[in-house]
Amino acid sequence: MHTTILICSAALAILTLILAFWTSVQRGSSNTIAYGAPLDPTSAMAMAHRAHGNSAEYAGLLIALFLVT
């Protein structure tokens, strides 16, 4: 397996973990802990939540594609 694939896969995993941490920080600072709470789409909490969600959704797919090629 190429070193580039390992580095890119590790970078995606680290990015997802950093975004998870940032989402937790935003949840704590905005006091928006419960799921289903109304959110302003332009708030920092909503943006952190979506950034982490997108990363979690697509990082696994990209890593799988790295391994297939």
PDB file of N, CA and C in Angstrom:
ATOM      1  N   MET A   1       0.847  -1.176   0.000  1.00  0.00           N
ATOM      2  CA  MET A   1       0.000   0.000   0.000  1.00  0.00           C
ATOM      3  C   MET A   1       0.892   1.239   0.000  1.00  0.00           C
ATOM      4  N   HIS A   2       0.521   2.201  -0.788  1.00  0.00           N
ATOM      5  CA  HIS A   2       1.333   3.403  -0.909  1.00  0.00           C
ATOM      6  C   HIS A   2       1.257   4.267   0.338  1.00  0.00           C
ATOM      7  N   THR A   3       2.327   4.962   0.591  1.00  0.00           N
ATOM      8  CA  THR A   3       2.396   5.872   1.731  1.00  0.00           C
ATOM      9  C   THR A   3       1.391   7.004   1.577  1.00  0.00           C
ATOM     10  N   THR A   4       1.169   7.432   0.354  1.00  0.00           N
ATOM     11  CA  THR A   4       0.224   8.524   0.110  1.00  0.00           C
ATOM     12  C   THR A   4      -1.187   8.141   0.556  1.00  0.00           C
ATOM     13  N   ILE A   5      -1.590   6.916   0.292  1.00  0.00           N
ATOM     14  CA  ILE A   5      -2.916   6.452   0.696  1.00  0.00           C
ATOM     15  C   ILE A   5      -3.034   6.465   2.211  1.00  0.00           C
ATOM     16  N   LEU A   6      -1.995   6.006   2.887  1.00  0.00           N
ATOM     17  CA  LEU A   6      -2.025   5.996   4.353  1.00  0.00           C
ATOM     18  C   LEU A   6      -2.084   7.407   4.926  1.00  0.00           C
ATOM     19  N   ILE A   7      -1.317   8.316   4.353  1.00  0.00           N
ATOM     20  CA  ILE A   7      -1.307   9.697   4.841  1.00  0.00           C
ATOM     21  C   ILE A   7      -2.660  10.361   4.607  1.00  0.00           C
ATOM     22  N   CYS A   8      -3.229  10.175   3.431  1.00  0.00           N
ATOM     23  CA  CYS A   8      -4.531  10.776   3.124  1.00  0.00           C
ATOM     24  C   CYS A   8      -5.635  10.182   3.997  1.00  0.00           C
ATOM     25  N   SER A   9      -5.605   8.882   4.216  1.00  0.00           N
ATOM     26  CA  SER A   9      -6.603   8.237   5.072  1.00  0.00           C
ATOM     27  C   SER A   9      -6.476   8.720   6.513  1.00  0.00           C
ATOM     28  N   ALA A  10      -5.253   8.835   6.999  1.00  0.00           N
ATOM     29  CA  ALA A  10      -5.036   9.340   8.358  1.00  0.00           C
ATOM     30  C   ALA A  10      -5.487  10.788   8.475  1.00  0.00           C
ATOM     31  N   ALA A  11      -5.228  11.598   7.441  1.00  0.00           N
ATOM     32  CA  ALA A  11      -5.651  13.003   7.466  1.00  0.00           C
ATOM     33  C   ALA A  11      -7.170  13.116   7.516  1.00  0.00           C
ATOM     34  N   LEU A  12      -7.874  12.282   6.766  1.00  0.00           N
ATOM     35  CA  LEU A  12      -9.340  12.297   6.802  1.00  0.00           C
ATOM     36  C   LEU A  12      -9.867  11.873   8.168  1.00  0.00           C
ATOM     37  N   ALA A  13      -9.254  10.851   8.755  1.00  0.00           N
ATOM     38  CA  ALA A  13      -9.691  10.405  10.083  1.00  0.00           C
ATOM     39  C   ALA A  13      -9.431  11.474  11.136  1.00  0.00           C
ATOM     40  N   ILE A  14      -8.278  12.113  11.064  1.00  0.00           N
ATOM     41  CA  ILE A  14      -7.949  13.176  12.022  1.00  0.00           C
ATOM     42  C   ILE A  14      -8.886  14.369  11.840  1.00  0.00           C
ATOM     43  N   LEU A  15      -9.194  14.719  10.601  1.00  0.00           N
ATOM     44  CA  LEU A  15     -10.122  15.808  10.336  1.00  0.00           C
ATOM     45  C   LEU A  15     -11.492  15.523  10.948  1.00  0.00           C
ATOM     46  N   THR A  16     -11.970  14.293  10.792  1.00  0.00           N
ATOM     47  CA  THR A  16     -13.263  13.924  11.365  1.00  0.00           C
ATOM     48  C   THR A  16     -13.233  14.015  12.885  1.00  0.00           C
ATOM     49  N   LEU A  17     -12.142  13.590  13.506  1.00  0.00           N
ATOM     50  CA  LEU A  17     -12.031  13.690  14.964  1.00  0.00           C
ATOM     51  C   LEU A  17     -11.959  15.142  15.427  1.00  0.00           C
ATOM     52  N   ILE A  18     -11.251  15.979  14.705  1.00  0.00           N
ATOM     53  CA  ILE A  18     -11.169  17.395  15.062  1.00  0.00           C
ATOM     54  C   ILE A  18     -12.539  18.054  14.932  1.00  0.00           C
ATOM     55  N   LEU A  19     -13.263  17.734  13.869  1.00  0.00           N
ATOM     56  CA  LEU A  19     -14.601  18.299  13.699  1.00  0.00           C
ATOM     57  C   LEU A  19     -15.565  17.787  14.766  1.00  0.00           C
ATOM     58  N   ALA A  20     -15.402  16.553  15.200  1.00  0.00           N
ATOM     59  CA  ALA A  20     -16.234  16.028  16.295  1.00  0.00           C
ATOM     60  C   ALA A  20     -15.954  16.796  17.577  1.00  0.00           C
ATOM     61  N   PHE A  21     -14.689  17.058  17.853  1.00  0.00           N
ATOM     62  CA  PHE A  21     -14.334  17.831  19.036  1.00  0.00           C
ATOM     63  C   PHE A  21     -14.898  19.248  18.945  1.00  0.00           C
ATOM     64  N   TRP A  22     -14.763  19.873  17.763  1.00  0.00           N
ATOM     65  CA  TRP A  22     -15.259  21.237  17.589  1.00  0.00           C
ATOM     66  C   TRP A  22     -16.783  21.294  17.741  1.00  0.00           C
ATOM     67  N   THR A  23     -17.475  20.269  17.262  1.00  0.00           N
ATOM     68  CA  THR A  23     -18.925  20.211  17.441  1.00  0.00           C
ATOM     69  C   THR A  23     -19.271  20.116  18.918  1.00  0.00           C
ATOM     70  N   SER A  24     -18.522  19.333  19.673  1.00  0.00           N
ATOM     71  CA  SER A  24     -18.753  19.237  21.114  1.00  0.00           C
ATOM     72  C   SER A  24     -18.515  20.564  21.811  1.00  0.00           C
ATOM     73  N   VAL A  25     -17.479  21.269  21.401  1.00  0.00           N
ATOM     74  CA  VAL A  25     -17.205  22.588  21.979  1.00  0.00           C
ATOM     75  C   VAL A  25     -18.354  23.543  21.674  1.00  0.00           C
ATOM     76  N   GLN A  26     -18.834  23.521  20.435  1.00  0.00           N
ATOM     77  CA  GLN A  26     -19.939  24.403  20.059  1.00  0.00           C
ATOM     78  C   GLN A  26     -21.221  24.040  20.803  1.00  0.00           C
ATOM     79  N   ARG A  27     -21.469  22.748  20.991  1.00  0.00           N
ATOM     80  CA  ARG A  27     -22.656  22.333  21.760  1.00  0.00           C
ATOM     81  C   ARG A  27     -22.581  22.855  23.194  1.00  0.00           C
ATOM     82  N   GLY A  28     -21.396  22.786  23.779  1.00  0.00           N
ATOM     83  CA  GLY A  28     -21.237  23.264  25.143  1.00  0.00           C
ATOM     84  C   GLY A  28     -21.396  24.766  25.261  1.00  0.00           C
ATOM     85  N   SER A  29     -20.871  25.502  24.286  1.00  0.00           N
ATOM     86  CA  SER A  29     -20.934  26.958  24.372  1.00  0.00           C
ATOM     87  C   SER A  29     -22.305  27.509  23.999  1.00  0.00           C
ATOM     88  N   SER A  30     -23.050  26.795  23.176  1.00  0.00           N
ATOM     89  CA  SER A  30     -24.369  27.287  22.767  1.00  0.00           C
ATOM     90  C   SER A  30     -25.498  26.690  23.604  1.00  0.00           C
ATOM     91  N   ASN A  31     -25.166  25.756  24.507  1.00  0.00           N
ATOM     92  CA  ASN A  31     -26.170  25.072  25.330  1.00  0.00           C
ATOM     93  C   ASN A  31     -27.234  24.383  24.480  1.00  0.00           C
ATOM     94  N   THR A  32     -26.854  23.914  23.308  1.00  0.00           N
ATOM     95  CA  THR A  32     -27.743  23.166  22.430  1.00  0.00           C
ATOM     96  C   THR A  32     -27.298  21.715  22.466  1.00  0.00           C
ATOM     97  N   ILE A  33     -27.783  21.004  23.448  1.00  0.00           N
ATOM     98  CA  ILE A  33     -27.344  19.626  23.646  1.00  0.00           C
ATOM     99  C   ILE A  33     -28.370  18.637  23.081  1.00  0.00           C
ATOM    100  N   ALA A  34     -29.648  18.926  23.262  1.00  0.00           N
ATOM    101  CA  ALA A  34     -30.691  17.979  22.871  1.00  0.00           C
ATOM    102  C   ALA A  34     -30.816  17.902  21.355  1.00  0.00           C
ATOM    103  N   TYR A  35     -31.031  16.695  20.854  1.00  0.00           N
ATOM    104  CA  TYR A  35     -31.269  16.527  19.428  1.00  0.00           C
ATOM    105  C   TYR A  35     -32.662  17.043  19.111  1.00  0.00           C
ATOM    106  N   GLY A  36     -32.809  17.587  17.955  1.00  0.00           N
ATOM    107  CA  GLY A  36     -34.092  18.117  17.545  1.00  0.00           C
ATOM    108  C   GLY A  36     -34.341  19.530  18.036  1.00  0.00           C
ATOM    109  N   ALA A  37     -33.368  20.130  18.705  1.00  0.00           N
ATOM    110  CA  ALA A  37     -33.526  21.503  19.166  1.00  0.00           C
ATOM    111  C   ALA A  37     -33.514  22.423  17.955  1.00  0.00           C
ATOM    112  N   PRO A  38     -34.345  23.459  17.959  1.00  0.00           N
ATOM    113  CA  PRO A  38     -34.356  24.362  16.811  1.00  0.00           C
ATOM    114  C   PRO A  38     -33.017  25.090  16.678  1.00  0.00           C
ATOM    115  N   LEU A  39     -32.498  25.101  15.465  1.00  0.00           N
ATOM    116  CA  LEU A  39     -31.199  25.725  15.202  1.00  0.00           C
ATOM    117  C   LEU A  39     -31.323  26.737  14.085  1.00  0.00           C
ATOM    118  N   ASP A  40     -30.629  27.831  14.241  1.00  0.00           N
ATOM    119  CA  ASP A  40     -30.487  28.792  13.158  1.00  0.00           C
ATOM    120  C   ASP A  40     -29.438  28.229  12.207  1.00  0.00           C
ATOM    121  N   PRO A  41     -29.758  28.052  10.928  1.00  0.00           N
ATOM    122  CA  PRO A  41     -28.790  27.443  10.005  1.00  0.00           C
ATOM    123  C   PRO A  41     -27.483  28.224   9.857  1.00  0.00           C
ATOM    124  N   THR A  42     -27.487  29.489  10.229  1.00  0.00           N
ATOM    125  CA  THR A  42     -26.262  30.283  10.107  1.00  0.00           C
ATOM    126  C   THR A  42     -25.471  30.334  11.408  1.00  0.00           C
ATOM    127  N   SER A  43     -25.951  29.635  12.440  1.00  0.00           N
ATOM    128  CA  SER A  43     -25.247  29.652  13.722  1.00  0.00           C
ATOM    129  C   SER A  43     -23.985  28.794  13.652  1.00  0.00           C
ATOM    130  N   ALA A  44     -23.052  29.086  14.537  1.00  0.00           N
ATOM    131  CA  ALA A  44     -21.797  28.329  14.582  1.00  0.00           C
ATOM    132  C   ALA A  44     -22.064  26.867  14.922  1.00  0.00           C
ATOM    133  N   MET A  45     -23.057  26.621  15.761  1.00  0.00           N
ATOM    134  CA  MET A  45     -23.390  25.249  16.141  1.00  0.00           C
ATOM    135  C   MET A  45     -23.883  24.464  14.929  1.00  0.00           C
ATOM    136  N   ALA A  46     -24.776  25.053  14.157  1.00  0.00           N
ATOM    137  CA  ALA A  46     -25.315  24.351  12.989  1.00  0.00           C
ATOM    138  C   ALA A  46     -24.221  24.091  11.952  1.00  0.00           C
ATOM    139  N   MET A  47     -23.347  25.069  11.758  1.00  0.00           N
ATOM    140  CA  MET A  47     -22.271  24.881  10.776  1.00  0.00           C
ATOM    141  C   MET A  47     -21.284  23.811  11.232  1.00  0.00           C
ATOM    142  N   ALA A  48     -20.957  23.786  12.526  1.00  0.00           N
ATOM    143  CA  ALA A  48     -20.059  22.748  13.046  1.00  0.00           C
ATOM    144  C   ALA A  48     -20.711  21.374  12.926  1.00  0.00           C
ATOM    145  N   HIS A  49     -22.007  21.320  13.218  1.00  0.00           N
ATOM    146  CA  HIS A  49     -22.752  20.063  13.139  1.00  0.00           C
ATOM    147  C   HIS A  49     -22.750  19.519  11.710  1.00  0.00           C
ATOM    148  N   ARG A  50     -23.031  20.367  10.730  1.00  0.00           N
ATOM    149  CA  ARG A  50     -23.046  19.925   9.343  1.00  0.00           C
ATOM    150  C   ARG A  50     -21.658  19.579   8.834  1.00  0.00           C
ATOM    151  N   ALA A  51     -20.650  20.345   9.242  1.00  0.00           N
ATOM    152  CA  ALA A  51     -19.281  20.045   8.806  1.00  0.00           C
ATOM    153  C   ALA A  51     -18.859  18.668   9.303  1.00  0.00           C
ATOM    154  N   HIS A  52     -19.157  18.363  10.556  1.00  0.00           N
ATOM    155  CA  HIS A  52     -18.815  17.045  11.088  1.00  0.00           C
ATOM    156  C   HIS A  52     -19.628  15.955  10.403  1.00  0.00           C
ATOM    157  N   GLY A  53     -20.905  16.209  10.183  1.00  0.00           N
ATOM    158  CA  GLY A  53     -21.755  15.217   9.519  1.00  0.00           C
ATOM    159  C   GLY A  53     -21.278  14.895   8.115  1.00  0.00           C
ATOM    160  N   ASN A  54     -20.935  15.935   7.368  1.00  0.00           N
ATOM    161  CA  ASN A  54     -20.430  15.712   6.007  1.00  0.00           C
ATOM    162  C   ASN A  54     -19.097  14.975   6.021  1.00  0.00           C
ATOM    163  N   SER A  55     -18.235  15.339   6.940  1.00  0.00           N
ATOM    164  CA  SER A  55     -16.936  14.658   7.038  1.00  0.00           C
ATOM    165  C   SER A  55     -17.128  13.183   7.395  1.00  0.00           C
ATOM    166  N   ALA A  56     -17.986  12.922   8.359  1.00  0.00           N
ATOM    167  CA  ALA A  56     -18.216  11.531   8.769  1.00  0.00           C
ATOM    168  C   ALA A  56     -18.833  10.716   7.638  1.00  0.00           C
ATOM    169  N   GLU A  57     -19.667  11.360   6.834  1.00  0.00           N
ATOM    170  CA  GLU A  57     -20.323  10.652   5.741  1.00  0.00           C
ATOM    171  C   GLU A  57     -19.355  10.342   4.598  1.00  0.00           C
ATOM    172  N   TYR A  58     -18.550  11.308   4.231  1.00  0.00           N
ATOM    173  CA  TYR A  58     -17.726  11.153   3.038  1.00  0.00           C
ATOM    174  C   TYR A  58     -16.313  10.647   3.300  1.00  0.00           C
ATOM    175  N   ALA A  59     -15.803  10.772   4.507  1.00  0.00           N
ATOM    176  CA  ALA A  59     -14.439  10.309   4.781  1.00  0.00           C
ATOM    177  C   ALA A  59     -14.333   8.794   4.600  1.00  0.00           C
ATOM    178  N   GLY A  60     -15.295   8.073   5.107  1.00  0.00           N
ATOM    179  CA  GLY A  60     -15.279   6.614   4.957  1.00  0.00           C
ATOM    180  C   GLY A  60     -15.355   6.187   3.502  1.00  0.00           C
ATOM    181  N   LEU A  61     -16.189   6.888   2.738  1.00  0.00           N
ATOM    182  CA  LEU A  61     -16.313   6.585   1.319  1.00  0.00           C
ATOM    183  C   LEU A  61     -14.996   6.851   0.584  1.00  0.00           C
ATOM    184  N   LEU A  62     -14.364   7.963   0.895  1.00  0.00           N
ATOM    185  CA  LEU A  62     -13.087   8.277   0.254  1.00  0.00           C
ATOM    186  C   LEU A  62     -12.001   7.275   0.629  1.00  0.00           C
ATOM    187  N   ILE A  63     -11.960   6.877   1.886  1.00  0.00           N
ATOM    188  CA  ILE A  63     -10.963   5.891   2.305  1.00  0.00           C
ATOM    189  C   ILE A  63     -11.201   4.570   1.581  1.00  0.00           C
ATOM    190  N   ALA A  64     -12.454   4.177   1.452  1.00  0.00           N
ATOM    191  CA  ALA A  64     -12.768   2.944   0.714  1.00  0.00           C
ATOM    192  C   ALA A  64     -12.334   3.050  -0.746  1.00  0.00           C
ATOM    193  N   LEU A  65     -12.568   4.213  -1.360  1.00  0.00           N
ATOM    194  CA  LEU A  65     -12.121   4.396  -2.743  1.00  0.00           C
ATOM    195  C   LEU A  65     -10.610   4.391  -2.861  1.00  0.00           C
ATOM    196  N   PHE A  66      -9.924   4.942  -1.845  1.00  0.00           N
ATOM    197  CA  PHE A  66      -8.459   4.873  -1.845  1.00  0.00           C
ATOM    198  C   PHE A  66      -7.998   3.417  -1.859  1.00  0.00           C
ATOM    199  N   LEU A  67      -8.650   2.588  -1.066  1.00  0.00           N
ATOM    200  CA  LEU A  67      -8.228   1.191  -0.956  1.00  0.00           C
ATOM    201  C   LEU A  67      -8.542   0.385  -2.208  1.00  0.00           C
ATOM    202  N   VAL A  68      -9.607   0.749  -2.904  1.00  0.00           N
ATOM    203  CA  VAL A  68      -9.987   0.025  -4.112  1.00  0.00           C
ATOM    204  C   VAL A  68      -9.028   0.323  -5.254  1.00  0.00           C
ATOM    205  N   THR A  69      -8.561   1.562  -5.318  1.00  0.00           N
ATOM    206  CA  THR A  69      -7.699   1.933  -6.456  1.00  0.00           C
ATOM    207  C   THR A  69      -6.264   1.515  -6.248  1.00  0.00           C
TER     208      THR A  69
END
